[in-house]
Amino acid sequence: MVSHVSCIIVFGVVQIVHRDVKLENILLDASNRIKLIDFGLAANTMPGKKLKVHCGSPSYAAPEIVARRLYDGPPVDVWSLGVVLYGMICGHLPFHASDNKKVRHCCWL
């Protein structure tokens, strides 16, 4: 988990936001090192500039994405990482999208 947190911190420093951090996108290699995959929704960010595209997996989405508001990039990855950590510790996610909304969504304002 420390490796995953380090990865998110590095993303924040270089202003890249993954936007789809979830258990399904975290793998272990043969040496048990954590690998973050699926950068299809990743975006470059600029300090002070809000993002408009609301995307990712609803069960892991930050409140500002669920509310369809403009958002800062790195904090949404931190929120999703918290959901991942909760899931790893408790064995279930804290929030569940209804069955008809579990499909990944990504749409413009």
PDB file of N, CA and C in Angstrom:
ATOM      1  N   MET A   1       0.825  -1.194   0.000  1.00  0.00           N
ATOM      2  CA  MET A   1       0.000   0.000   0.000  1.00  0.00           C
ATOM      3  C   MET A   1       0.867   1.256   0.000  1.00  0.00           C
ATOM      4  N   VAL A   2       2.017   1.196   0.680  1.00  0.00           N
ATOM      5  CA  VAL A   2       2.911   2.351   0.715  1.00  0.00           C
ATOM      6  C   VAL A   2       3.363   2.712  -0.700  1.00  0.00           C
ATOM      7  N   SER A   3       3.648   1.703  -1.522  1.00  0.00           N
ATOM      8  CA  SER A   3       4.048   1.971  -2.908  1.00  0.00           C
ATOM      9  C   SER A   3       2.950   2.689  -3.659  1.00  0.00           C
ATOM     10  N   HIS A   4       1.699   2.287  -3.428  1.00  0.00           N
ATOM     11  CA  HIS A   4       0.574   2.900  -4.118  1.00  0.00           C
ATOM     12  C   HIS A   4       0.419   4.358  -3.685  1.00  0.00           C
ATOM     13  N   VAL A   5       0.565   4.606  -2.396  1.00  0.00           N
ATOM     14  CA  VAL A   5       0.474   5.973  -1.892  1.00  0.00           C
ATOM     15  C   VAL A   5       1.602   6.810  -2.487  1.00  0.00           C
ATOM     16  N   SER A   6       2.800   6.245  -2.552  1.00  0.00           N
ATOM     17  CA  SER A   6       3.935   6.953  -3.142  1.00  0.00           C
ATOM     18  C   SER A   6       3.661   7.304  -4.593  1.00  0.00           C
ATOM     19  N   CYS A   7       3.045   6.390  -5.316  1.00  0.00           N
ATOM     20  CA  CYS A   7       2.706   6.636  -6.721  1.00  0.00           C
ATOM     21  C   CYS A   7       1.744   7.804  -6.830  1.00  0.00           C
ATOM     22  N   ILE A   8       0.720   7.854  -6.000  1.00  0.00           N
ATOM     23  CA  ILE A   8      -0.258   8.942  -6.028  1.00  0.00           C
ATOM     24  C   ILE A   8       0.419  10.267  -5.684  1.00  0.00           C
ATOM     25  N   ILE A   9       1.333  10.242  -4.710  1.00  0.00           N
ATOM     26  CA  ILE A   9       2.050  11.465  -4.350  1.00  0.00           C
ATOM     27  C   ILE A   9       2.890  11.953  -5.509  1.00  0.00           C
ATOM     28  N   VAL A  10       3.592  11.054  -6.178  1.00  0.00           N
ATOM     29  CA  VAL A  10       4.397  11.439  -7.349  1.00  0.00           C
ATOM     30  C   VAL A  10       3.500  12.016  -8.429  1.00  0.00           C
ATOM     31  N   PHE A  11       2.352  11.411  -8.678  1.00  0.00           N
ATOM     32  CA  PHE A  11       1.423  11.958  -9.667  1.00  0.00           C
ATOM     33  C   PHE A  11       1.070  13.392  -9.322  1.00  0.00           C
ATOM     34  N   GLY A  12       0.799  13.656  -8.053  1.00  0.00           N
ATOM     35  CA  GLY A  12       0.447  14.999  -7.627  1.00  0.00           C
ATOM     36  C   GLY A  12       1.568  15.985  -7.881  1.00  0.00           C
ATOM     37  N   VAL A  13       2.803  15.566  -7.670  1.00  0.00           N
ATOM     38  CA  VAL A  13       3.951  16.440  -7.885  1.00  0.00           C
ATOM     39  C   VAL A  13       4.115  16.777  -9.364  1.00  0.00           C
ATOM     40  N   VAL A  14       3.936  15.798 -10.237  1.00  0.00           N
ATOM     41  CA  VAL A  14       4.094  16.046 -11.675  1.00  0.00           C
ATOM     42  C   VAL A  14       2.775  16.458 -12.338  1.00  0.00           C
ATOM     43  N   GLN A  15       1.737  16.661 -11.527  1.00  0.00           N
ATOM     44  CA  GLN A  15       0.441  17.146 -11.999  1.00  0.00           C
ATOM     45  C   GLN A  15      -0.238  16.200 -12.991  1.00  0.00           C
ATOM     46  N   ILE A  16      -0.225  14.919 -12.671  1.00  0.00           N
ATOM     47  CA  ILE A  16      -0.982  13.925 -13.437  1.00  0.00           C
ATOM     48  C   ILE A  16      -2.020  13.333 -12.499  1.00  0.00           C
ATOM     49  N   VAL A  17      -3.233  13.226 -12.972  1.00  0.00           N
ATOM     50  CA  VAL A  17      -4.300  12.619 -12.172  1.00  0.00           C
ATOM     51  C   VAL A  17      -4.780  11.360 -12.897  1.00  0.00           C
ATOM     52  N   HIS A  18      -4.867  10.248 -12.179  1.00  0.00           N
ATOM     53  CA  HIS A  18      -5.254   8.957 -12.756  1.00  0.00           C
ATOM     54  C   HIS A  18      -6.751   8.917 -13.043  1.00  0.00           C
ATOM     55  N   ARG A  19      -7.560   9.338 -12.127  1.00  0.00           N
ATOM     56  CA  ARG A  19      -9.016   9.444 -12.199  1.00  0.00           C
ATOM     57  C   ARG A  19      -9.769   8.128 -12.241  1.00  0.00           C
ATOM     58  N   ASP A  20      -9.080   6.999 -12.075  1.00  0.00           N
ATOM     59  CA  ASP A  20      -9.787   5.714 -11.995  1.00  0.00           C
ATOM     60  C   ASP A  20      -9.053   4.751 -11.063  1.00  0.00           C
ATOM     61  N   VAL A  21      -8.608   5.288  -9.911  1.00  0.00           N
ATOM     62  CA  VAL A  21      -7.953   4.451  -8.912  1.00  0.00           C
ATOM     63  C   VAL A  21      -9.029   3.574  -8.282  1.00  0.00           C
ATOM     64  N   LYS A  22      -8.839   2.266  -8.382  1.00  0.00           N
ATOM     65  CA  LYS A  22      -9.779   1.307  -7.799  1.00  0.00           C
ATOM     66  C   LYS A  22      -9.063  -0.023  -7.636  1.00  0.00           C
ATOM     67  N   LEU A  23      -9.635  -0.907  -6.843  1.00  0.00           N
ATOM     68  CA  LEU A  23      -8.997  -2.200  -6.573  1.00  0.00           C
ATOM     69  C   LEU A  23      -8.671  -2.957  -7.857  1.00  0.00           C
ATOM     70  N   GLU A  24      -9.545  -2.893  -8.831  1.00  0.00           N
ATOM     71  CA  GLU A  24      -9.350  -3.628 -10.070  1.00  0.00           C
ATOM     72  C   GLU A  24      -8.166  -3.107 -10.886  1.00  0.00           C
ATOM     73  N   ASN A  25      -7.702  -1.903 -10.589  1.00  0.00           N
ATOM     74  CA  ASN A  25      -6.576  -1.313 -11.317  1.00  0.00           C
ATOM     75  C   ASN A  25      -5.277  -1.370 -10.526  1.00  0.00           C
ATOM     76  N   ILE A  26      -5.243  -2.190  -9.498  1.00  0.00           N
ATOM     77  CA  ILE A  26      -4.033  -2.365  -8.701  1.00  0.00           C
ATOM     78  C   ILE A  26      -3.631  -3.834  -8.788  1.00  0.00           C
ATOM     79  N   LEU A  27      -2.425  -4.079  -9.270  1.00  0.00           N
ATOM     80  CA  LEU A  27      -1.927  -5.443  -9.429  1.00  0.00           C
ATOM     81  C   LEU A  27      -0.639  -5.613  -8.641  1.00  0.00           C
ATOM     82  N   LEU A  28      -0.264  -6.857  -8.384  1.00  0.00           N
ATOM     83  CA  LEU A  28       1.021  -7.189  -7.780  1.00  0.00           C
ATOM     84  C   LEU A  28       1.848  -7.934  -8.813  1.00  0.00           C
ATOM     85  N   ASP A  29       3.149  -7.582  -8.913  1.00  0.00           N
ATOM     86  CA  ASP A  29       4.015  -8.327  -9.825  1.00  0.00           C
ATOM     87  C   ASP A  29       4.595  -9.545  -9.090  1.00  0.00           C
ATOM     88  N   ALA A  30       5.488 -10.272  -9.735  1.00  0.00           N
ATOM     89  CA  ALA A  30       6.049 -11.496  -9.161  1.00  0.00           C
ATOM     90  C   ALA A  30       6.816 -11.234  -7.862  1.00  0.00           C
ATOM     91  N   SER A  31       7.272 -10.005  -7.669  1.00  0.00           N
ATOM     92  CA  SER A  31       8.009  -9.647  -6.447  1.00  0.00           C
ATOM     93  C   SER A  31       7.105  -8.950  -5.426  1.00  0.00           C
ATOM     94  N   ASN A  32       5.786  -9.043  -5.627  1.00  0.00           N
ATOM     95  CA  ASN A  32       4.787  -8.413  -4.754  1.00  0.00           C
ATOM     96  C   ASN A  32       4.900  -6.897  -4.699  1.00  0.00           C
ATOM     97  N   ARG A  33       5.367  -6.297  -5.784  1.00  0.00           N
ATOM     98  CA  ARG A  33       5.373  -4.838  -5.880  1.00  0.00           C
ATOM     99  C   ARG A  33       4.047  -4.399  -6.487  1.00  0.00           C
ATOM    100  N   ILE A  34       3.513  -3.322  -5.968  1.00  0.00           N
ATOM    101  CA  ILE A  34       2.226  -2.812  -6.437  1.00  0.00           C
ATOM    102  C   ILE A  34       2.397  -2.090  -7.766  1.00  0.00           C
ATOM    103  N   LYS A  35       1.505  -2.393  -8.693  1.00  0.00           N
ATOM    104  CA  LYS A  35       1.497  -1.747 -10.004  1.00  0.00           C
ATOM    105  C   LYS A  35       0.119  -1.128 -10.237  1.00  0.00           C
ATOM    106  N   LEU A  36       0.098   0.139 -10.564  1.00  0.00           N
ATOM    107  CA  LEU A  36      -1.146   0.824 -10.904  1.00  0.00           C
ATOM    108  C   LEU A  36      -1.295   0.768 -12.415  1.00  0.00           C
ATOM    109  N   ILE A  37      -2.447   0.299 -12.896  1.00  0.00           N
ATOM    110  CA  ILE A  37      -2.660   0.125 -14.333  1.00  0.00           C
ATOM    111  C   ILE A  37      -3.845   0.962 -14.816  1.00  0.00           C
ATOM    112  N   ASP A  38      -4.082   0.915 -16.103  1.00  0.00           N
ATOM    113  CA  ASP A  38      -5.220   1.543 -16.783  1.00  0.00           C
ATOM    114  C   ASP A  38      -5.209   3.068 -16.644  1.00  0.00           C
ATOM    115  N   PHE A  39      -4.366   3.681 -17.445  1.00  0.00           N
ATOM    116  CA  PHE A  39      -4.245   5.134 -17.439  1.00  0.00           C
ATOM    117  C   PHE A  39      -5.100   5.779 -18.529  1.00  0.00           C
ATOM    118  N   GLY A  40      -6.124   5.077 -18.969  1.00  0.00           N
ATOM    119  CA  GLY A  40      -6.982   5.574 -20.038  1.00  0.00           C
ATOM    120  C   GLY A  40      -7.726   6.856 -19.710  1.00  0.00           C
ATOM    121  N   LEU A  41      -7.971   7.120 -18.434  1.00  0.00           N
ATOM    122  CA  LEU A  41      -8.684   8.335 -18.034  1.00  0.00           C
ATOM    123  C   LEU A  41      -7.755   9.379 -17.415  1.00  0.00           C
ATOM    124  N   ALA A  42      -6.451   9.096 -17.396  1.00  0.00           N
ATOM    125  CA  ALA A  42      -5.486  10.014 -16.782  1.00  0.00           C
ATOM    126  C   ALA A  42      -5.458  11.344 -17.540  1.00  0.00           C
ATOM    127  N   ALA A  43      -5.116  12.400 -16.798  1.00  0.00           N
ATOM    128  CA  ALA A  43      -5.056  13.731 -17.400  1.00  0.00           C
ATOM    129  C   ALA A  43      -3.944  14.545 -16.747  1.00  0.00           C
ATOM    130  N   ASN A  44      -3.377  15.453 -17.506  1.00  0.00           N
ATOM    131  CA  ASN A  44      -2.434  16.426 -16.957  1.00  0.00           C
ATOM    132  C   ASN A  44      -3.254  17.534 -16.323  1.00  0.00           C
ATOM    133  N   THR A  45      -2.769  18.041 -15.212  1.00  0.00           N
ATOM    134  CA  THR A  45      -3.461  19.142 -14.544  1.00  0.00           C
ATOM    135  C   THR A  45      -2.513  20.312 -14.377  1.00  0.00           C
ATOM    136  N   MET A  46      -3.077  21.464 -14.111  1.00  0.00           N
ATOM    137  CA  MET A  46      -2.292  22.661 -13.833  1.00  0.00           C
ATOM    138  C   MET A  46      -2.789  23.234 -12.513  1.00  0.00           C
ATOM    139  N   PRO A  47      -1.859  23.710 -11.674  1.00  0.00           N
ATOM    140  CA  PRO A  47      -2.293  24.284 -10.401  1.00  0.00           C
ATOM    141  C   PRO A  47      -3.335  25.388 -10.609  1.00  0.00           C
ATOM    142  N   GLY A  48      -4.400  25.318  -9.843  1.00  0.00           N
ATOM    143  CA  GLY A  48      -5.444  26.329  -9.915  1.00  0.00           C
ATOM    144  C   GLY A  48      -6.468  26.120 -11.016  1.00  0.00           C
ATOM    145  N   LYS A  49      -6.222  25.180 -11.921  1.00  0.00           N
ATOM    146  CA  LYS A  49      -7.173  24.929 -13.002  1.00  0.00           C
ATOM    147  C   LYS A  49      -8.029  23.709 -12.651  1.00  0.00           C
ATOM    148  N   LYS A  50      -9.332  23.888 -12.684  1.00  0.00           N
ATOM    149  CA  LYS A  50     -10.270  22.814 -12.354  1.00  0.00           C
ATOM    150  C   LYS A  50     -10.516  21.933 -13.576  1.00  0.00           C
ATOM    151  N   LEU A  51     -10.800  20.667 -13.325  1.00  0.00           N
ATOM    152  CA  LEU A  51     -11.133  19.727 -14.394  1.00  0.00           C
ATOM    153  C   LEU A  51     -12.644  19.666 -14.570  1.00  0.00           C
ATOM    154  N   LYS A  52     -13.064  19.372 -15.805  1.00  0.00           N
ATOM    155  CA  LYS A  52     -14.491  19.343 -16.138  1.00  0.00           C
ATOM    156  C   LYS A  52     -15.027  17.938 -16.382  1.00  0.00           C
ATOM    157  N   VAL A  53     -14.170  17.025 -16.821  1.00  0.00           N
ATOM    158  CA  VAL A  53     -14.631  15.692 -17.198  1.00  0.00           C
ATOM    159  C   VAL A  53     -14.861  14.854 -15.945  1.00  0.00           C
ATOM    160  N   HIS A  54     -16.069  14.368 -15.797  1.00  0.00           N
ATOM    161  CA  HIS A  54     -16.435  13.534 -14.654  1.00  0.00           C
ATOM    162  C   HIS A  54     -16.338  12.081 -15.083  1.00  0.00           C
ATOM    163  N   CYS A  55     -15.343  11.383 -14.573  1.00  0.00           N
ATOM    164  CA  CYS A  55     -15.132  10.016 -15.031  1.00  0.00           C
ATOM    165  C   CYS A  55     -14.613   9.147 -13.897  1.00  0.00           C
ATOM    166  N   GLY A  56     -14.546   7.860 -14.154  1.00  0.00           N
ATOM    167  CA  GLY A  56     -14.090   6.902 -13.169  1.00  0.00           C
ATOM    168  C   GLY A  56     -15.198   5.934 -12.804  1.00  0.00           C
ATOM    169  N   SER A  57     -14.993   5.222 -11.739  1.00  0.00           N
ATOM    170  CA  SER A  57     -15.959   4.226 -11.281  1.00  0.00           C
ATOM    171  C   SER A  57     -16.771   4.809 -10.124  1.00  0.00           C
ATOM    172  N   PRO A  58     -18.084   4.823 -10.243  1.00  0.00           N
ATOM    173  CA  PRO A  58     -18.939   5.488  -9.255  1.00  0.00           C
ATOM    174  C   PRO A  58     -18.690   5.086  -7.806  1.00  0.00           C
ATOM    175  N   SER A  59     -18.401   3.828  -7.534  1.00  0.00           N
ATOM    176  CA  SER A  59     -18.197   3.392  -6.149  1.00  0.00           C
ATOM    177  C   SER A  59     -16.934   3.979  -5.527  1.00  0.00           C
ATOM    178  N   TYR A  60     -16.027   4.481  -6.349  1.00  0.00           N
ATOM    179  CA  TYR A  60     -14.767   5.053  -5.877  1.00  0.00           C
ATOM    180  C   TYR A  60     -14.714   6.569  -6.071  1.00  0.00           C
ATOM    181  N   ALA A  61     -15.739   7.140  -6.663  1.00  0.00           N
ATOM    182  CA  ALA A  61     -15.717   8.551  -7.061  1.00  0.00           C
ATOM    183  C   ALA A  61     -15.809   9.502  -5.871  1.00  0.00           C
ATOM    184  N   ALA A  62     -15.038  10.576  -5.956  1.00  0.00           N
ATOM    185  CA  ALA A  62     -15.069  11.634  -4.937  1.00  0.00           C
ATOM    186  C   ALA A  62     -16.407  12.376  -5.009  1.00  0.00           C
ATOM    187  N   PRO A  63     -16.829  12.989  -3.904  1.00  0.00           N
ATOM    188  CA  PRO A  63     -18.124  13.687  -3.883  1.00  0.00           C
ATOM    189  C   PRO A  63     -18.274  14.749  -4.965  1.00  0.00           C
ATOM    190  N   GLU A  64     -17.201  15.467  -5.284  1.00  0.00           N
ATOM    191  CA  GLU A  64     -17.304  16.505  -6.310  1.00  0.00           C
ATOM    192  C   GLU A  64     -17.554  15.918  -7.695  1.00  0.00           C
ATOM    193  N   ILE A  65     -17.091  14.700  -7.937  1.00  0.00           N
ATOM    194  CA  ILE A  65     -17.367  14.052  -9.222  1.00  0.00           C
ATOM    195  C   ILE A  65     -18.811  13.566  -9.249  1.00  0.00           C
ATOM    196  N   VAL A  66     -19.257  12.968  -8.156  1.00  0.00           N
ATOM    197  CA  VAL A  66     -20.644  12.500  -8.077  1.00  0.00           C
ATOM    198  C   VAL A  66     -21.607  13.675  -8.240  1.00  0.00           C
ATOM    199  N   ALA A  67     -21.252  14.827  -7.670  1.00  0.00           N
ATOM    200  CA  ALA A  67     -22.105  16.019  -7.756  1.00  0.00           C
ATOM    201  C   ALA A  67     -21.939  16.759  -9.084  1.00  0.00           C
ATOM    202  N   ARG A  68     -21.043  16.262  -9.934  1.00  0.00           N
ATOM    203  CA  ARG A  68     -20.791  16.847 -11.253  1.00  0.00           C
ATOM    204  C   ARG A  68     -20.355  18.315 -11.168  1.00  0.00           C
ATOM    205  N   ARG A  69     -19.471  18.594 -10.186  1.00  0.00           N
ATOM    206  CA  ARG A  69     -18.902  19.932 -10.059  1.00  0.00           C
ATOM    207  C   ARG A  69     -17.504  19.936 -10.663  1.00  0.00           C
ATOM    208  N   LEU A  70     -16.993  21.120 -10.978  1.00  0.00           N
ATOM    209  CA  LEU A  70     -15.597  21.243 -11.376  1.00  0.00           C
ATOM    210  C   LEU A  70     -14.745  20.793 -10.197  1.00  0.00           C
ATOM    211  N   TYR A  71     -13.570  20.203 -10.468  1.00  0.00           N
ATOM    212  CA  TYR A  71     -12.779  19.655  -9.370  1.00  0.00           C
ATOM    213  C   TYR A  71     -11.283  19.779  -9.624  1.00  0.00           C
ATOM    214  N   ASP A  72     -10.519  19.793  -8.523  1.00  0.00           N
ATOM    215  CA  ASP A  72      -9.070  19.710  -8.595  1.00  0.00           C
ATOM    216  C   ASP A  72      -8.716  18.245  -8.819  1.00  0.00           C
ATOM    217  N   GLY A  73      -7.735  17.990  -9.657  1.00  0.00           N
ATOM    218  CA  GLY A  73      -7.401  16.613 -10.003  1.00  0.00           C
ATOM    219  C   GLY A  73      -6.858  15.738  -8.890  1.00  0.00           C
ATOM    220  N   PRO A  74      -5.713  16.076  -8.288  1.00  0.00           N
ATOM    221  CA  PRO A  74      -5.099  15.169  -7.311  1.00  0.00           C
ATOM    222  C   PRO A  74      -5.992  14.759  -6.136  1.00  0.00           C
ATOM    223  N   PRO A  75      -6.811  15.640  -5.577  1.00  0.00           N
ATOM    224  CA  PRO A  75      -7.654  15.192  -4.451  1.00  0.00           C
ATOM    225  C   PRO A  75      -8.633  14.063  -4.803  1.00  0.00           C
ATOM    226  N   VAL A  76      -9.070  13.955  -6.052  1.00  0.00           N
ATOM    227  CA  VAL A  76      -9.989  12.865  -6.396  1.00  0.00           C
ATOM    228  C   VAL A  76      -9.266  11.520  -6.355  1.00  0.00           C
ATOM    229  N   ASP A  77      -7.962  11.500  -6.703  1.00  0.00           N
ATOM    230  CA  ASP A  77      -7.188  10.263  -6.579  1.00  0.00           C
ATOM    231  C   ASP A  77      -6.965   9.913  -5.112  1.00  0.00           C
ATOM    232  N   VAL A  78      -6.763  10.918  -4.277  1.00  0.00           N
ATOM    233  CA  VAL A  78      -6.585  10.668  -2.842  1.00  0.00           C
ATOM    234  C   VAL A  78      -7.871  10.079  -2.262  1.00  0.00           C
ATOM    235  N   TRP A  79      -9.032  10.622  -2.655  1.00  0.00           N
ATOM    236  CA  TRP A  79     -10.321  10.078  -2.193  1.00  0.00           C
ATOM    237  C   TRP A  79     -10.442   8.613  -2.611  1.00  0.00           C
ATOM    238  N   SER A  80     -10.180   8.337  -3.884  1.00  0.00           N
ATOM    239  CA  SER A  80     -10.300   6.966  -4.389  1.00  0.00           C
ATOM    240  C   SER A  80      -9.333   6.036  -3.675  1.00  0.00           C
ATOM    241  N   LEU A  81      -8.144   6.519  -3.370  1.00  0.00           N
ATOM    242  CA  LEU A  81      -7.175   5.719  -2.634  1.00  0.00           C
ATOM    243  C   LEU A  81      -7.706   5.391  -1.237  1.00  0.00           C
ATOM    244  N   GLY A  82      -8.399   6.331  -0.619  1.00  0.00           N
ATOM    245  CA  GLY A  82      -9.031   6.068   0.673  1.00  0.00           C
ATOM    246  C   GLY A  82     -10.086   4.987   0.572  1.00  0.00           C
ATOM    247  N   VAL A  83     -10.856   5.001  -0.503  1.00  0.00           N
ATOM    248  CA  VAL A  83     -11.873   3.957  -0.724  1.00  0.00           C
ATOM    249  C   VAL A  83     -11.187   2.608  -0.913  1.00  0.00           C
ATOM    250  N   VAL A  84     -10.073   2.585  -1.666  1.00  0.00           N
ATOM    251  CA  VAL A  84      -9.302   1.350  -1.861  1.00  0.00           C
ATOM    252  C   VAL A  84      -8.813   0.826  -0.515  1.00  0.00           C
ATOM    253  N   LEU A  85      -8.236   1.694   0.296  1.00  0.00           N
ATOM    254  CA  LEU A  85      -7.718   1.286   1.603  1.00  0.00           C
ATOM    255  C   LEU A  85      -8.846   0.740   2.479  1.00  0.00           C
ATOM    256  N   TYR A  86      -9.983   1.413   2.490  1.00  0.00           N
ATOM    257  CA  TYR A  86     -11.142   0.947   3.248  1.00  0.00           C
ATOM    258  C   TYR A  86     -11.531  -0.463   2.781  1.00  0.00           C
ATOM    259  N   GLY A  87     -11.594  -0.647   1.467  1.00  0.00           N
ATOM    260  CA  GLY A  87     -11.956  -1.953   0.918  1.00  0.00           C
ATOM    261  C   GLY A  87     -10.972  -3.043   1.302  1.00  0.00           C
ATOM    262  N   MET A  88      -9.684  -2.703   1.328  1.00  0.00           N
ATOM    263  CA  MET A  88      -8.670  -3.686   1.693  1.00  0.00           C
ATOM    264  C   MET A  88      -8.771  -4.066   3.166  1.00  0.00           C
ATOM    265  N   ILE A  89      -9.100  -3.108   4.018  1.00  0.00           N
ATOM    266  CA  ILE A  89      -9.173  -3.365   5.455  1.00  0.00           C
ATOM    267  C   ILE A  89     -10.494  -4.039   5.844  1.00  0.00           C
ATOM    268  N   CYS A  90     -11.593  -3.559   5.286  1.00  0.00           N
ATOM    269  CA  CYS A  90     -12.928  -4.022   5.707  1.00  0.00           C
ATOM    270  C   CYS A  90     -13.492  -5.149   4.861  1.00  0.00           C
ATOM    271  N   GLY A  91     -12.950  -5.343   3.665  1.00  0.00           N
ATOM    272  CA  GLY A  91     -13.443  -6.410   2.808  1.00  0.00           C
ATOM    273  C   GLY A  91     -14.647  -6.027   1.966  1.00  0.00           C
ATOM    274  N   HIS A  92     -15.058  -4.774   2.041  1.00  0.00           N
ATOM    275  CA  HIS A  92     -16.150  -4.270   1.199  1.00  0.00           C
ATOM    276  C   HIS A  92     -15.957  -2.768   1.042  1.00  0.00           C
ATOM    277  N   LEU A  93     -16.567  -2.202   0.028  1.00  0.00           N
ATOM    278  CA  LEU A  93     -16.437  -0.769  -0.222  1.00  0.00           C
ATOM    279  C   LEU A  93     -17.416   0.015   0.649  1.00  0.00           C
ATOM    280  N   PRO A  94     -17.053   1.237   1.014  1.00  0.00           N
ATOM    281  CA  PRO A  94     -17.947   2.027   1.869  1.00  0.00           C
ATOM    282  C   PRO A  94     -19.177   2.543   1.135  1.00  0.00           C
ATOM    283  N   PHE A  95     -19.075   2.718  -0.171  1.00  0.00           N
ATOM    284  CA  PHE A  95     -20.175   3.239  -0.976  1.00  0.00           C
ATOM    285  C   PHE A  95     -20.359   2.309  -2.161  1.00  0.00           C
ATOM    286  N   HIS A  96     -21.598   2.046  -2.493  1.00  0.00           N
ATOM    287  CA  HIS A  96     -21.875   1.184  -3.644  1.00  0.00           C
ATOM    288  C   HIS A  96     -22.820   1.901  -4.586  1.00  0.00           C
ATOM    289  N   ALA A  97     -22.444   1.937  -5.856  1.00  0.00           N
ATOM    290  CA  ALA A  97     -23.342   2.481  -6.868  1.00  0.00           C
ATOM    291  C   ALA A  97     -24.443   1.442  -7.100  1.00  0.00           C
ATOM    292  N   SER A  98     -25.633   1.925  -7.440  1.00  0.00           N
ATOM    293  CA  SER A  98     -26.706   0.973  -7.739  1.00  0.00           C
ATOM    294  C   SER A  98     -26.293   0.153  -8.954  1.00  0.00           C
ATOM    295  N   ASP A  99     -26.877  -1.040  -9.102  1.00  0.00           N
ATOM    296  CA  ASP A  99     -26.484  -1.958 -10.170  1.00  0.00           C
ATOM    297  C   ASP A  99     -26.489  -1.315 -11.548  1.00  0.00           C
ATOM    298  N   ASN A 100     -27.455  -0.459 -11.813  1.00  0.00           N
ATOM    299  CA  ASN A 100     -27.543   0.137 -13.150  1.00  0.00           C
ATOM    300  C   ASN A 100     -26.538   1.284 -13.332  1.00  0.00           C
ATOM    301  N   LYS A 101     -25.820   1.666 -12.278  1.00  0.00           N
ATOM    302  CA  LYS A 101     -24.848   2.747 -12.405  1.00  0.00           C
ATOM    303  C   LYS A 101     -23.419   2.263 -12.188  1.00  0.00           C
ATOM    304  N   LYS A 102     -23.206   0.961 -12.121  1.00  0.00           N
ATOM    305  CA  LYS A 102     -21.863   0.452 -11.875  1.00  0.00           C
ATOM    306  C   LYS A 102     -20.972   0.520 -13.108  1.00  0.00           C
ATOM    307  N   VAL A 103     -21.551   0.795 -14.254  1.00  0.00           N
ATOM    308  CA  VAL A 103     -20.728   0.938 -15.449  1.00  0.00           C
ATOM    309  C   VAL A 103     -19.889   2.204 -15.311  1.00  0.00           C
ATOM    310  N   ARG A 104     -18.693   2.150 -15.821  1.00  0.00           N
ATOM    311  CA  ARG A 104     -17.840   3.335 -15.772  1.00  0.00           C
ATOM    312  C   ARG A 104     -18.527   4.445 -16.541  1.00  0.00           C
ATOM    313  N   HIS A 105     -18.447   5.636 -15.995  1.00  0.00           N
ATOM    314  CA  HIS A 105     -19.037   6.767 -16.682  1.00  0.00           C
ATOM    315  C   HIS A 105     -17.959   7.807 -16.958  1.00  0.00           C
ATOM    316  N   CYS A 106     -18.133   8.523 -18.022  1.00  0.00           N
ATOM    317  CA  CYS A 106     -17.211   9.600 -18.354  1.00  0.00           C
ATOM    318  C   CYS A 106     -17.957  10.516 -19.323  1.00  0.00           C
ATOM    319  N   CYS A 107     -18.266  11.700 -18.861  1.00  0.00           N
ATOM    320  CA  CYS A 107     -19.026  12.589 -19.730  1.00  0.00           C
ATOM    321  C   CYS A 107     -18.624  14.046 -19.486  1.00  0.00           C
ATOM    322  N   TRP A 108     -18.879  14.891 -20.447  1.00  0.00           N
ATOM    323  CA  TRP A 108     -18.531  16.301 -20.379  1.00  0.00           C
ATOM    324  C   TRP A 108     -19.646  17.090 -19.730  1.00  0.00           C
ATOM    325  N   LEU A 109     -19.279  18.207 -19.100  1.00  0.00           N
ATOM    326  CA  LEU A 109     -20.288  19.121 -18.549  1.00  0.00           C
ATOM    327  C   LEU A 109     -21.089  19.757 -19.665  1.00  0.00           C
TER     328      LEU A 109
END
